Amino acid sequence: MHTIDVIGTTPNATPSDISRELMVTLGTVTTSLNNLERKGYIERRRSEVDRRVVHLNLTKNGRLLYRLHKRFHNRMVMQVVDGMSPEERQVMQKGLQNLYSFLEDLK
């Protein structure tokens, strides 16, 4: 799902884009892309400018899967924060910001 998410948010993503974003090897990305292509969720297209470059796009089914997964995440977050006080939400938001900064520094 993370691979689908990167392709869904990055127009004409390349395997290198995914590798960088997910912090995994190109070999791992290739295996994931092969499975997603076999299932009909993505398509690979060679660049018109540089034939060595492969661009990745979601198929119709891939876009549907992307939207459903995004909706699931939104519902999950809403359910988690629904019972929290404003103060608890602020503490959680600060913790998530710290986590995000930490993960960004790893890139």
N, C-alpha and C. Protein backbone atom coordinates (compact mmCIF):
# COMPACT_ATOMS: atom_id res chain seq x y z
N MET A 1 0.82 -1.20 0.00
CA MET A 1 0.00 0.00 0.00
C MET A 1 0.86 1.26 0.00
N HIS A 2 2.02 1.20 0.63
CA HIS A 2 2.86 2.39 0.65
C HIS A 2 3.33 2.75 -0.76
N THR A 3 3.60 1.74 -1.56
CA THR A 3 4.03 1.98 -2.94
C THR A 3 2.89 2.64 -3.72
N ILE A 4 1.68 2.13 -3.56
CA ILE A 4 0.50 2.72 -4.21
C ILE A 4 0.35 4.18 -3.76
N ASP A 5 0.57 4.43 -2.48
CA ASP A 5 0.43 5.78 -1.95
C ASP A 5 1.43 6.74 -2.60
N VAL A 6 2.68 6.32 -2.74
CA VAL A 6 3.69 7.18 -3.35
C VAL A 6 3.34 7.45 -4.81
N ILE A 7 2.93 6.42 -5.54
CA ILE A 7 2.57 6.61 -6.95
C ILE A 7 1.34 7.52 -7.06
N GLY A 8 0.39 7.36 -6.12
CA GLY A 8 -0.82 8.17 -6.14
C GLY A 8 -0.57 9.64 -5.84
N THR A 9 0.48 9.94 -5.10
CA THR A 9 0.76 11.33 -4.73
C THR A 9 1.89 11.95 -5.54
N THR A 10 2.57 11.15 -6.37
CA THR A 10 3.71 11.64 -7.15
C THR A 10 3.45 11.39 -8.63
N PRO A 11 3.02 12.41 -9.38
CA PRO A 11 2.78 12.20 -10.80
C PRO A 11 4.03 11.69 -11.52
N ASN A 12 3.85 10.69 -12.35
CA ASN A 12 4.96 10.09 -13.11
C ASN A 12 6.12 9.66 -12.22
N ALA A 13 5.80 9.07 -11.09
CA ALA A 13 6.83 8.59 -10.16
C ALA A 13 7.74 7.60 -10.87
N THR A 14 8.96 7.51 -10.40
CA THR A 14 9.92 6.52 -10.90
C THR A 14 10.22 5.54 -9.77
N PRO A 15 10.75 4.38 -10.10
CA PRO A 15 11.15 3.45 -9.03
C PRO A 15 12.12 4.10 -8.03
N SER A 16 13.00 4.96 -8.51
CA SER A 16 13.93 5.66 -7.60
C SER A 16 13.18 6.58 -6.64
N ASP A 17 12.13 7.24 -7.11
CA ASP A 17 11.31 8.09 -6.23
C ASP A 17 10.73 7.26 -5.09
N ILE A 18 10.21 6.10 -5.44
CA ILE A 18 9.60 5.23 -4.44
C ILE A 18 10.66 4.72 -3.46
N SER A 19 11.79 4.30 -3.98
CA SER A 19 12.88 3.81 -3.14
C SER A 19 13.30 4.87 -2.12
N ARG A 20 13.45 6.10 -2.59
CA ARG A 20 13.85 7.21 -1.72
C ARG A 20 12.78 7.50 -0.67
N GLU A 21 11.54 7.58 -1.12
CA GLU A 21 10.44 7.94 -0.21
C GLU A 21 10.21 6.88 0.87
N LEU A 22 10.29 5.61 0.48
CA LEU A 22 10.02 4.52 1.42
C LEU A 22 11.27 4.01 2.13
N MET A 23 12.42 4.54 1.72
CA MET A 23 13.70 4.14 2.31
C MET A 23 13.92 2.63 2.21
N VAL A 24 13.72 2.10 1.00
CA VAL A 24 13.96 0.69 0.72
C VAL A 24 14.82 0.60 -0.54
N THR A 25 15.36 -0.59 -0.79
CA THR A 25 16.23 -0.77 -1.96
C THR A 25 15.41 -0.79 -3.24
N LEU A 26 16.09 -0.53 -4.35
CA LEU A 26 15.43 -0.62 -5.66
C LEU A 26 14.96 -2.05 -5.92
N GLY A 27 15.69 -3.03 -5.43
CA GLY A 27 15.27 -4.42 -5.59
C GLY A 27 13.93 -4.69 -4.92
N THR A 28 13.76 -4.14 -3.72
CA THR A 28 12.49 -4.29 -3.00
C THR A 28 11.37 -3.60 -3.77
N VAL A 29 11.66 -2.41 -4.30
CA VAL A 29 10.66 -1.67 -5.07
C VAL A 29 10.28 -2.45 -6.32
N THR A 30 11.26 -3.01 -7.01
CA THR A 30 10.99 -3.77 -8.23
C THR A 30 10.07 -4.95 -7.95
N THR A 31 10.32 -5.67 -6.87
CA THR A 31 9.46 -6.80 -6.50
C THR A 31 8.04 -6.33 -6.24
N SER A 32 7.90 -5.23 -5.51
CA SER A 32 6.59 -4.68 -5.22
C SER A 32 5.88 -4.23 -6.51
N LEU A 33 6.62 -3.56 -7.39
CA LEU A 33 6.03 -3.09 -8.65
C LEU A 33 5.59 -4.25 -9.53
N ASN A 34 6.39 -5.31 -9.57
CA ASN A 34 6.01 -6.49 -10.36
C ASN A 34 4.68 -7.05 -9.87
N ASN A 35 4.52 -7.15 -8.55
CA ASN A 35 3.27 -7.67 -7.98
C ASN A 35 2.09 -6.74 -8.28
N LEU A 36 2.31 -5.44 -8.12
CA LEU A 36 1.23 -4.48 -8.37
C LEU A 36 0.84 -4.44 -9.85
N GLU A 37 1.83 -4.57 -10.72
CA GLU A 37 1.54 -4.59 -12.16
C GLU A 37 0.78 -5.86 -12.53
N ARG A 38 1.19 -6.98 -11.97
CA ARG A 38 0.52 -8.26 -12.24
C ARG A 38 -0.94 -8.21 -11.79
N LYS A 39 -1.20 -7.51 -10.69
CA LYS A 39 -2.56 -7.40 -10.16
C LYS A 39 -3.39 -6.32 -10.88
N GLY A 40 -2.74 -5.55 -11.75
CA GLY A 40 -3.45 -4.54 -12.53
C GLY A 40 -3.63 -3.20 -11.84
N TYR A 41 -2.80 -2.89 -10.84
CA TYR A 41 -2.93 -1.63 -10.11
C TYR A 41 -2.04 -0.52 -10.65
N ILE A 42 -0.96 -0.87 -11.32
CA ILE A 42 -0.05 0.14 -11.86
C ILE A 42 0.29 -0.18 -13.31
N GLU A 43 0.81 0.83 -14.00
CA GLU A 43 1.36 0.62 -15.33
C GLU A 43 2.70 1.32 -15.40
N ARG A 44 3.62 0.70 -16.12
CA ARG A 44 4.95 1.28 -16.34
C ARG A 44 4.99 1.84 -17.75
N ARG A 45 5.58 3.04 -17.89
CA ARG A 45 5.75 3.63 -19.22
C ARG A 45 7.15 4.22 -19.33
N ARG A 46 7.79 3.95 -20.44
CA ARG A 46 9.12 4.51 -20.70
C ARG A 46 8.99 6.00 -20.97
N SER A 47 9.96 6.76 -20.49
CA SER A 47 10.00 8.20 -20.72
C SER A 47 10.21 8.46 -22.21
N GLU A 48 9.54 9.47 -22.72
CA GLU A 48 9.73 9.89 -24.11
C GLU A 48 11.09 10.56 -24.27
N VAL A 49 11.56 11.21 -23.22
CA VAL A 49 12.81 11.97 -23.26
C VAL A 49 14.02 11.06 -23.06
N ASP A 50 13.94 10.17 -22.08
CA ASP A 50 15.06 9.29 -21.75
C ASP A 50 14.52 7.87 -21.61
N ARG A 51 14.75 7.05 -22.60
CA ARG A 51 14.17 5.71 -22.64
C ARG A 51 14.63 4.82 -21.48
N ARG A 52 15.66 5.23 -20.77
CA ARG A 52 16.12 4.45 -19.61
C ARG A 52 15.21 4.65 -18.40
N VAL A 53 14.45 5.74 -18.41
CA VAL A 53 13.61 6.09 -17.27
C VAL A 53 12.22 5.47 -17.44
N VAL A 54 11.72 4.89 -16.35
CA VAL A 54 10.38 4.30 -16.34
C VAL A 54 9.50 5.13 -15.42
N HIS A 55 8.36 5.58 -15.95
CA HIS A 55 7.38 6.32 -15.15
C HIS A 55 6.28 5.37 -14.73
N LEU A 56 5.78 5.58 -13.53
CA LEU A 56 4.74 4.72 -12.97
C LEU A 56 3.46 5.51 -12.77
N ASN A 57 2.35 4.90 -13.13
CA ASN A 57 1.05 5.52 -12.93
C ASN A 57 0.07 4.46 -12.45
N LEU A 58 -0.93 4.92 -11.72
CA LEU A 58 -1.98 4.02 -11.27
C LEU A 58 -2.97 3.76 -12.40
N THR A 59 -3.44 2.54 -12.48
CA THR A 59 -4.52 2.21 -13.40
C THR A 59 -5.84 2.64 -12.76
N LYS A 60 -6.93 2.41 -13.43
CA LYS A 60 -8.25 2.73 -12.87
C LYS A 60 -8.43 2.00 -11.54
N ASN A 61 -8.11 0.70 -11.51
CA ASN A 61 -8.23 -0.07 -10.27
C ASN A 61 -7.24 0.42 -9.21
N GLY A 62 -6.07 0.84 -9.64
CA GLY A 62 -5.07 1.38 -8.72
C GLY A 62 -5.55 2.67 -8.07
N ARG A 63 -6.18 3.53 -8.86
CA ARG A 63 -6.71 4.79 -8.31
C ARG A 63 -7.84 4.51 -7.32
N LEU A 64 -8.67 3.52 -7.63
CA LEU A 64 -9.73 3.14 -6.71
C LEU A 64 -9.14 2.63 -5.39
N LEU A 65 -8.16 1.76 -5.47
CA LEU A 65 -7.49 1.24 -4.28
C LEU A 65 -6.87 2.37 -3.48
N TYR A 66 -6.22 3.31 -4.15
CA TYR A 66 -5.60 4.46 -3.50
C TYR A 66 -6.65 5.27 -2.73
N ARG A 67 -7.78 5.57 -3.38
CA ARG A 67 -8.83 6.35 -2.72
C ARG A 67 -9.43 5.61 -1.53
N LEU A 68 -9.67 4.31 -1.68
CA LEU A 68 -10.22 3.53 -0.58
C LEU A 68 -9.27 3.49 0.61
N HIS A 69 -7.99 3.34 0.35
CA HIS A 69 -7.00 3.31 1.42
C HIS A 69 -6.92 4.67 2.12
N LYS A 70 -6.97 5.74 1.34
CA LYS A 70 -6.94 7.09 1.91
C LYS A 70 -8.17 7.32 2.79
N ARG A 71 -9.32 6.88 2.33
CA ARG A 71 -10.55 7.01 3.11
C ARG A 71 -10.45 6.22 4.42
N PHE A 72 -9.87 5.00 4.34
CA PHE A 72 -9.67 4.19 5.54
C PHE A 72 -8.80 4.93 6.55
N HIS A 73 -7.70 5.52 6.08
CA HIS A 73 -6.80 6.26 6.98
C HIS A 73 -7.52 7.44 7.63
N ASN A 74 -8.30 8.17 6.84
CA ASN A 74 -9.03 9.31 7.37
C ASN A 74 -10.02 8.88 8.45
N ARG A 75 -10.75 7.80 8.21
CA ARG A 75 -11.70 7.29 9.21
C ARG A 75 -10.98 6.84 10.47
N MET A 76 -9.84 6.18 10.29
CA MET A 76 -9.07 5.69 11.42
C MET A 76 -8.62 6.86 12.30
N VAL A 77 -8.09 7.90 11.68
CA VAL A 77 -7.63 9.07 12.44
C VAL A 77 -8.80 9.74 13.15
N MET A 78 -9.92 9.90 12.46
CA MET A 78 -11.09 10.53 13.08
C MET A 78 -11.58 9.73 14.28
N GLN A 79 -11.55 8.42 14.17
CA GLN A 79 -11.99 7.57 15.27
C GLN A 79 -11.05 7.69 16.47
N VAL A 80 -9.76 7.80 16.20
CA VAL A 80 -8.78 7.92 17.28
C VAL A 80 -8.94 9.24 18.01
N VAL A 81 -9.09 10.34 17.28
CA VAL A 81 -9.13 11.66 17.92
C VAL A 81 -10.52 12.05 18.40
N ASP A 82 -11.53 11.30 18.01
CA ASP A 82 -12.91 11.66 18.34
C ASP A 82 -13.14 11.83 19.84
N GLY A 83 -12.58 10.94 20.64
CA GLY A 83 -12.82 11.01 22.08
C GLY A 83 -11.79 11.83 22.85
N MET A 84 -10.92 12.53 22.15
CA MET A 84 -9.86 13.29 22.82
C MET A 84 -10.28 14.72 23.11
N SER A 85 -9.74 15.24 24.19
CA SER A 85 -9.96 16.65 24.51
C SER A 85 -9.03 17.48 23.62
N PRO A 86 -9.30 18.78 23.50
CA PRO A 86 -8.40 19.63 22.70
C PRO A 86 -6.94 19.57 23.17
N GLU A 87 -6.74 19.48 24.48
CA GLU A 87 -5.37 19.39 25.01
C GLU A 87 -4.71 18.09 24.58
N GLU A 88 -5.46 16.99 24.64
CA GLU A 88 -4.90 15.70 24.23
C GLU A 88 -4.57 15.70 22.73
N ARG A 89 -5.40 16.36 21.95
CA ARG A 89 -5.13 16.46 20.51
C ARG A 89 -3.85 17.25 20.25
N GLN A 90 -3.64 18.32 21.01
CA GLN A 90 -2.43 19.12 20.84
C GLN A 90 -1.19 18.31 21.19
N VAL A 91 -1.27 17.53 22.28
CA VAL A 91 -0.13 16.70 22.68
C VAL A 91 0.16 15.66 21.59
N MET A 92 -0.89 15.04 21.08
CA MET A 92 -0.70 14.04 20.03
C MET A 92 -0.13 14.69 18.77
N GLN A 93 -0.64 15.85 18.41
CA GLN A 93 -0.15 16.54 17.22
C GLN A 93 1.33 16.88 17.36
N LYS A 94 1.74 17.34 18.52
CA LYS A 94 3.15 17.66 18.75
C LYS A 94 4.01 16.40 18.65
N GLY A 95 3.53 15.30 19.22
CA GLY A 95 4.27 14.04 19.14
C GLY A 95 4.40 13.57 17.70
N LEU A 96 3.34 13.70 16.91
CA LEU A 96 3.39 13.30 15.51
C LEU A 96 4.31 14.20 14.70
N GLN A 97 4.33 15.49 15.02
CA GLN A 97 5.25 16.40 14.34
C GLN A 97 6.70 16.02 14.63
N ASN A 98 6.97 15.67 15.88
CA ASN A 98 8.32 15.25 16.25
C ASN A 98 8.71 13.97 15.51
N LEU A 99 7.78 13.03 15.44
CA LEU A 99 8.04 11.78 14.73
C LEU A 99 8.29 12.05 13.25
N TYR A 100 7.47 12.91 12.65
CA TYR A 100 7.64 13.26 11.23
C TYR A 100 9.02 13.87 10.99
N SER A 101 9.41 14.80 11.84
CA SER A 101 10.73 15.44 11.70
C SER A 101 11.85 14.42 11.80
N PHE A 102 11.72 13.50 12.74
CA PHE A 102 12.72 12.45 12.91
C PHE A 102 12.83 11.60 11.65
N LEU A 103 11.69 11.19 11.11
CA LEU A 103 11.70 10.35 9.92
C LEU A 103 12.22 11.11 8.70
N GLU A 104 11.90 12.38 8.59
CA GLU A 104 12.42 13.19 7.48
C GLU A 104 13.93 13.30 7.55
N ASP A 105 14.47 13.41 8.75
CA ASP A 105 15.93 13.50 8.92
C ASP A 105 16.63 12.22 8.50
N LEU A 106 15.92 11.09 8.52
CA LEU A 106 16.51 9.81 8.12
C LEU A 106 16.71 9.72 6.61
N LYS A 107 15.96 10.51 5.85
CA LYS A 107 16.03 10.43 4.39
C LYS A 107 17.35 10.90 3.86
